[in-house]
Amino acid sequence: MSMYKIAVVGDKDSILGFKALGVSTYPVTGKKEAIDALRAIEKEKVAVVCITEAVAQEIEEEVERLQRQPLPAVALIPNNKGSLGLGMQLIKRNAEKAIGADILFGKEGS
């Protein structure tokens, strides 16, 4: 029986705690390392990849490309300095796309 994994990409200080939970961690320090990490993740059996918002902001096109694929699911998470609000925007946008209305903030689709 093969099992899918969970992976986390971000700066070392923000993702180190995930390693204790058995999550595959990919500490990165720049755009090229982040893109290389996502490409490596694509080759593995990863069901969910969490990317810190700060890293996702640097590699926005790569994250969008990954989101168009069935797996892995992409979740944006805050780093150790706090949230940029990108994760909530992604959830809001996906909910609007799925049901045609903004159920999180109570506005009809735009």
N, C-alpha and C. Protein backbone atom coordinates (compact mmCIF):
# COMPACT_ATOMS: atom_id res chain seq x y z
N MET A 1 0.84 -1.17 0.00
CA MET A 1 0.00 0.00 0.00
C MET A 1 0.89 1.24 0.00
N SER A 2 0.75 2.08 -1.01
CA SER A 2 1.54 3.29 -1.05
C SER A 2 0.75 4.43 -0.43
N MET A 3 1.47 5.27 0.28
CA MET A 3 0.82 6.38 0.96
C MET A 3 1.33 7.68 0.38
N TYR A 4 0.45 8.65 0.34
CA TYR A 4 0.84 9.97 -0.10
C TYR A 4 1.49 10.72 1.05
N LYS A 5 2.33 11.69 0.71
CA LYS A 5 3.05 12.47 1.69
C LYS A 5 2.51 13.89 1.74
N ILE A 6 2.96 14.60 2.76
CA ILE A 6 2.72 16.03 2.88
C ILE A 6 4.09 16.70 2.87
N ALA A 7 4.20 17.81 2.17
CA ALA A 7 5.46 18.53 2.08
C ALA A 7 5.24 20.00 2.45
N VAL A 8 6.29 20.62 2.98
CA VAL A 8 6.24 22.03 3.33
C VAL A 8 7.47 22.72 2.75
N VAL A 9 7.23 23.85 2.08
CA VAL A 9 8.30 24.64 1.48
C VAL A 9 8.29 26.02 2.12
N GLY A 10 9.46 26.48 2.54
CA GLY A 10 9.56 27.82 3.11
C GLY A 10 10.91 28.05 3.73
N ASP A 11 11.05 29.18 4.40
CA ASP A 11 12.32 29.46 5.07
C ASP A 11 12.48 28.50 6.25
N LYS A 12 13.71 28.20 6.57
CA LYS A 12 14.04 27.17 7.57
C LYS A 12 13.35 27.42 8.92
N ASP A 13 13.39 28.64 9.41
CA ASP A 13 12.81 28.94 10.71
C ASP A 13 11.30 28.70 10.76
N SER A 14 10.62 28.90 9.63
CA SER A 14 9.17 28.76 9.59
C SER A 14 8.70 27.32 9.45
N ILE A 15 9.52 26.45 8.86
CA ILE A 15 9.05 25.09 8.56
C ILE A 15 9.70 24.00 9.40
N LEU A 16 10.68 24.35 10.20
CA LEU A 16 11.42 23.34 10.96
C LEU A 16 10.52 22.49 11.85
N GLY A 17 9.51 23.08 12.48
CA GLY A 17 8.61 22.35 13.36
C GLY A 17 7.82 21.25 12.67
N PHE A 18 7.58 21.39 11.38
CA PHE A 18 6.83 20.38 10.63
C PHE A 18 7.60 19.06 10.54
N LYS A 19 8.92 19.15 10.58
CA LYS A 19 9.74 17.94 10.47
C LYS A 19 9.45 16.98 11.62
N ALA A 20 9.19 17.51 12.82
CA ALA A 20 8.87 16.67 13.98
C ALA A 20 7.56 15.90 13.79
N LEU A 21 6.71 16.38 12.90
CA LEU A 21 5.43 15.72 12.62
C LEU A 21 5.54 14.69 11.50
N GLY A 22 6.73 14.52 10.96
CA GLY A 22 6.93 13.55 9.88
C GLY A 22 6.65 14.10 8.50
N VAL A 23 6.53 15.41 8.39
CA VAL A 23 6.27 16.06 7.12
C VAL A 23 7.60 16.28 6.40
N SER A 24 7.62 16.08 5.10
CA SER A 24 8.83 16.35 4.31
C SER A 24 9.01 17.86 4.23
N THR A 25 10.18 18.35 4.65
CA THR A 25 10.43 19.78 4.65
C THR A 25 11.45 20.15 3.58
N TYR A 26 11.23 21.28 2.96
CA TYR A 26 12.11 21.80 1.92
C TYR A 26 12.45 23.24 2.27
N PRO A 27 13.50 23.43 3.07
CA PRO A 27 13.90 24.80 3.40
C PRO A 27 14.55 25.47 2.19
N VAL A 28 14.11 26.68 1.89
CA VAL A 28 14.63 27.41 0.73
C VAL A 28 15.03 28.82 1.14
N THR A 29 15.95 29.40 0.39
CA THR A 29 16.39 30.76 0.68
C THR A 29 16.19 31.71 -0.48
N GLY A 30 15.72 31.21 -1.60
CA GLY A 30 15.52 32.08 -2.75
C GLY A 30 14.58 31.47 -3.78
N LYS A 31 14.34 32.24 -4.81
CA LYS A 31 13.39 31.86 -5.85
C LYS A 31 13.79 30.55 -6.55
N LYS A 32 15.07 30.44 -6.95
CA LYS A 32 15.51 29.24 -7.66
C LYS A 32 15.38 27.99 -6.80
N GLU A 33 15.78 28.08 -5.53
CA GLU A 33 15.64 26.93 -4.62
C GLU A 33 14.18 26.54 -4.45
N ALA A 34 13.30 27.53 -4.37
CA ALA A 34 11.87 27.25 -4.19
C ALA A 34 11.30 26.53 -5.41
N ILE A 35 11.65 27.00 -6.60
CA ILE A 35 11.18 26.36 -7.83
C ILE A 35 11.73 24.94 -7.92
N ASP A 36 13.01 24.76 -7.62
CA ASP A 36 13.61 23.42 -7.63
C ASP A 36 12.92 22.50 -6.63
N ALA A 37 12.56 23.03 -5.46
CA ALA A 37 11.86 22.22 -4.44
C ALA A 37 10.50 21.77 -4.95
N LEU A 38 9.75 22.68 -5.57
CA LEU A 38 8.43 22.30 -6.09
C LEU A 38 8.54 21.28 -7.21
N ARG A 39 9.53 21.40 -8.03
CA ARG A 39 9.72 20.42 -9.11
C ARG A 39 10.09 19.05 -8.54
N ALA A 40 10.88 19.02 -7.47
CA ALA A 40 11.22 17.76 -6.81
C ALA A 40 9.98 17.14 -6.17
N ILE A 41 9.15 17.97 -5.57
CA ILE A 41 7.92 17.51 -4.93
C ILE A 41 6.99 16.87 -5.96
N GLU A 42 6.92 17.45 -7.14
CA GLU A 42 6.06 16.91 -8.19
C GLU A 42 6.43 15.49 -8.58
N LYS A 43 7.69 15.13 -8.42
CA LYS A 43 8.16 13.80 -8.80
C LYS A 43 7.87 12.76 -7.72
N GLU A 44 7.50 13.20 -6.52
CA GLU A 44 7.21 12.29 -5.42
C GLU A 44 5.70 12.13 -5.27
N LYS A 45 5.29 11.20 -4.41
CA LYS A 45 3.87 11.00 -4.14
C LYS A 45 3.45 11.93 -3.01
N VAL A 46 3.24 13.19 -3.36
CA VAL A 46 2.84 14.20 -2.40
C VAL A 46 1.40 14.60 -2.69
N ALA A 47 0.55 14.52 -1.66
CA ALA A 47 -0.85 14.89 -1.82
C ALA A 47 -1.09 16.36 -1.50
N VAL A 48 -0.35 16.89 -0.53
CA VAL A 48 -0.53 18.28 -0.11
C VAL A 48 0.84 18.92 0.03
N VAL A 49 0.98 20.11 -0.53
CA VAL A 49 2.19 20.90 -0.33
C VAL A 49 1.78 22.23 0.28
N CYS A 50 2.37 22.52 1.41
CA CYS A 50 2.15 23.81 2.08
C CYS A 50 3.35 24.68 1.74
N ILE A 51 3.07 25.90 1.33
CA ILE A 51 4.12 26.84 0.96
C ILE A 51 3.90 28.10 1.78
N THR A 52 4.97 28.62 2.38
CA THR A 52 4.80 29.86 3.12
C THR A 52 4.42 30.96 2.14
N GLU A 53 3.59 31.88 2.62
CA GLU A 53 3.09 32.95 1.76
C GLU A 53 4.22 33.78 1.16
N ALA A 54 5.26 34.04 1.94
CA ALA A 54 6.38 34.85 1.45
C ALA A 54 7.08 34.17 0.28
N VAL A 55 7.27 32.86 0.36
CA VAL A 55 7.89 32.12 -0.74
C VAL A 55 6.94 32.06 -1.93
N ALA A 56 5.66 31.79 -1.68
CA ALA A 56 4.68 31.72 -2.76
C ALA A 56 4.60 33.04 -3.53
N GLN A 57 4.76 34.14 -2.83
CA GLN A 57 4.72 35.45 -3.46
C GLN A 57 5.88 35.62 -4.45
N GLU A 58 7.03 35.04 -4.13
CA GLU A 58 8.21 35.13 -5.01
C GLU A 58 8.07 34.26 -6.26
N ILE A 59 7.33 33.16 -6.16
CA ILE A 59 7.23 32.20 -7.27
C ILE A 59 5.77 32.01 -7.67
N GLU A 60 5.06 33.10 -7.78
CA GLU A 60 3.62 33.07 -8.03
C GLU A 60 3.22 32.24 -9.25
N GLU A 61 3.95 32.39 -10.36
CA GLU A 61 3.61 31.65 -11.58
C GLU A 61 3.75 30.15 -11.37
N GLU A 62 4.78 29.74 -10.67
CA GLU A 62 5.02 28.32 -10.41
C GLU A 62 3.91 27.75 -9.51
N VAL A 63 3.50 28.51 -8.52
CA VAL A 63 2.42 28.07 -7.63
C VAL A 63 1.12 27.93 -8.41
N GLU A 64 0.82 28.90 -9.26
CA GLU A 64 -0.40 28.84 -10.08
C GLU A 64 -0.37 27.63 -11.01
N ARG A 65 0.78 27.33 -11.58
CA ARG A 65 0.90 26.16 -12.45
C ARG A 65 0.62 24.88 -11.67
N LEU A 66 1.16 24.82 -10.47
CA LEU A 66 0.96 23.64 -9.62
C LEU A 66 -0.50 23.49 -9.21
N GLN A 67 -1.18 24.60 -8.99
CA GLN A 67 -2.58 24.57 -8.58
C GLN A 67 -3.50 24.04 -9.67
N ARG A 68 -3.09 24.11 -10.90
CA ARG A 68 -3.92 23.60 -12.01
C ARG A 68 -3.86 22.09 -12.13
N GLN A 69 -2.97 21.46 -11.38
CA GLN A 69 -2.84 20.00 -11.43
C GLN A 69 -3.70 19.37 -10.33
N PRO A 70 -4.13 18.13 -10.53
CA PRO A 70 -4.95 17.47 -9.50
C PRO A 70 -4.21 17.27 -8.18
N LEU A 71 -2.96 16.88 -8.26
CA LEU A 71 -2.13 16.69 -7.07
C LEU A 71 -0.76 17.27 -7.33
N PRO A 72 -0.15 17.82 -6.35
CA PRO A 72 -0.60 17.98 -4.97
C PRO A 72 -1.52 19.19 -4.81
N ALA A 73 -2.36 19.13 -3.78
CA ALA A 73 -3.15 20.30 -3.40
C ALA A 73 -2.19 21.31 -2.79
N VAL A 74 -2.41 22.58 -3.05
CA VAL A 74 -1.53 23.63 -2.56
C VAL A 74 -2.23 24.43 -1.48
N ALA A 75 -1.54 24.61 -0.36
CA ALA A 75 -2.05 25.44 0.73
C ALA A 75 -0.98 26.46 1.09
N LEU A 76 -1.37 27.72 1.14
CA LEU A 76 -0.45 28.77 1.54
C LEU A 76 -0.58 28.99 3.04
N ILE A 77 0.56 29.04 3.72
CA ILE A 77 0.57 29.19 5.17
C ILE A 77 1.43 30.40 5.55
N PRO A 78 1.16 31.01 6.70
CA PRO A 78 1.99 32.12 7.14
C PRO A 78 3.39 31.64 7.52
N ASN A 79 4.35 32.54 7.47
CA ASN A 79 5.68 32.17 7.96
C ASN A 79 5.79 32.59 9.43
N ASN A 80 6.96 32.50 9.99
CA ASN A 80 7.11 32.80 11.41
C ASN A 80 6.97 34.30 11.73
N LYS A 81 6.86 35.13 10.71
CA LYS A 81 6.68 36.57 10.92
C LYS A 81 5.21 36.99 10.81
N GLY A 82 4.34 36.05 10.43
CA GLY A 82 2.91 36.35 10.34
C GLY A 82 2.37 36.17 8.93
N SER A 83 1.09 36.43 8.80
CA SER A 83 0.39 36.21 7.54
C SER A 83 0.42 37.44 6.65
N LEU A 84 0.49 37.20 5.35
CA LEU A 84 0.36 38.26 4.35
C LEU A 84 -1.06 38.32 3.80
N GLY A 85 -1.91 37.37 4.22
CA GLY A 85 -3.29 37.32 3.75
C GLY A 85 -3.47 36.56 2.44
N LEU A 86 -2.39 36.04 1.88
CA LEU A 86 -2.48 35.35 0.59
C LEU A 86 -3.22 34.02 0.69
N GLY A 87 -3.03 33.32 1.80
CA GLY A 87 -3.70 32.03 1.99
C GLY A 87 -5.22 32.19 2.01
N MET A 88 -5.70 33.20 2.73
CA MET A 88 -7.13 33.45 2.78
C MET A 88 -7.67 33.88 1.43
N GLN A 89 -6.91 34.68 0.68
CA GLN A 89 -7.33 35.07 -0.67
C GLN A 89 -7.48 33.85 -1.57
N LEU A 90 -6.55 32.89 -1.45
CA LEU A 90 -6.61 31.68 -2.26
C LEU A 90 -7.85 30.86 -1.90
N ILE A 91 -8.13 30.71 -0.62
CA ILE A 91 -9.31 29.96 -0.20
C ILE A 91 -10.58 30.65 -0.71
N LYS A 92 -10.64 31.96 -0.58
CA LYS A 92 -11.80 32.73 -1.03
C LYS A 92 -12.00 32.55 -2.54
N ARG A 93 -10.91 32.69 -3.31
CA ARG A 93 -11.00 32.56 -4.76
C ARG A 93 -11.46 31.17 -5.18
N ASN A 94 -10.94 30.12 -4.52
CA ASN A 94 -11.34 28.76 -4.85
C ASN A 94 -12.80 28.49 -4.48
N ALA A 95 -13.25 29.04 -3.35
CA ALA A 95 -14.65 28.87 -2.95
C ALA A 95 -15.57 29.56 -3.95
N GLU A 96 -15.20 30.77 -4.37
CA GLU A 96 -16.02 31.49 -5.36
C GLU A 96 -16.09 30.74 -6.68
N LYS A 97 -14.96 30.17 -7.09
CA LYS A 97 -14.92 29.41 -8.34
C LYS A 97 -15.80 28.17 -8.25
N ALA A 98 -15.80 27.52 -7.09
CA ALA A 98 -16.54 26.27 -6.93
C ALA A 98 -18.05 26.49 -6.86
N ILE A 99 -18.48 27.55 -6.16
CA ILE A 99 -19.92 27.71 -5.95
C ILE A 99 -20.50 29.01 -6.48
N GLY A 100 -19.67 29.88 -7.02
CA GLY A 100 -20.17 31.09 -7.67
C GLY A 100 -20.55 32.22 -6.73
N ALA A 101 -20.25 32.09 -5.46
CA ALA A 101 -20.56 33.16 -4.51
C ALA A 101 -19.49 33.19 -3.43
N ASP A 102 -19.34 34.37 -2.85
CA ASP A 102 -18.36 34.53 -1.77
C ASP A 102 -19.00 34.15 -0.45
N ILE A 103 -18.85 32.89 -0.05
CA ILE A 103 -19.47 32.43 1.19
C ILE A 103 -18.67 32.84 2.42
N LEU A 104 -17.42 33.24 2.21
CA LEU A 104 -16.59 33.62 3.37
C LEU A 104 -16.86 35.05 3.82
N PHE A 105 -17.16 35.95 2.89
CA PHE A 105 -17.35 37.34 3.25
C PHE A 105 -18.73 37.86 2.86
N GLY A 106 -19.61 36.98 2.38
CA GLY A 106 -21.01 37.31 2.15
C GLY A 106 -21.31 38.18 0.95
N LYS A 107 -20.44 38.25 -0.04
CA LYS A 107 -20.72 39.02 -1.24
C LYS A 107 -21.00 38.07 -2.39
N GLU A 108 -21.88 38.48 -3.30
CA GLU A 108 -22.14 37.67 -4.48
C GLU A 108 -20.90 37.72 -5.37
N GLY A 109 -20.72 36.69 -6.21
CA GLY A 109 -19.55 36.59 -7.09
C GLY A 109 -19.32 37.86 -7.89
N SER A 110 -18.05 38.15 -8.19
CA SER A 110 -17.73 39.38 -8.93
C SER A 110 -17.33 39.10 -10.35
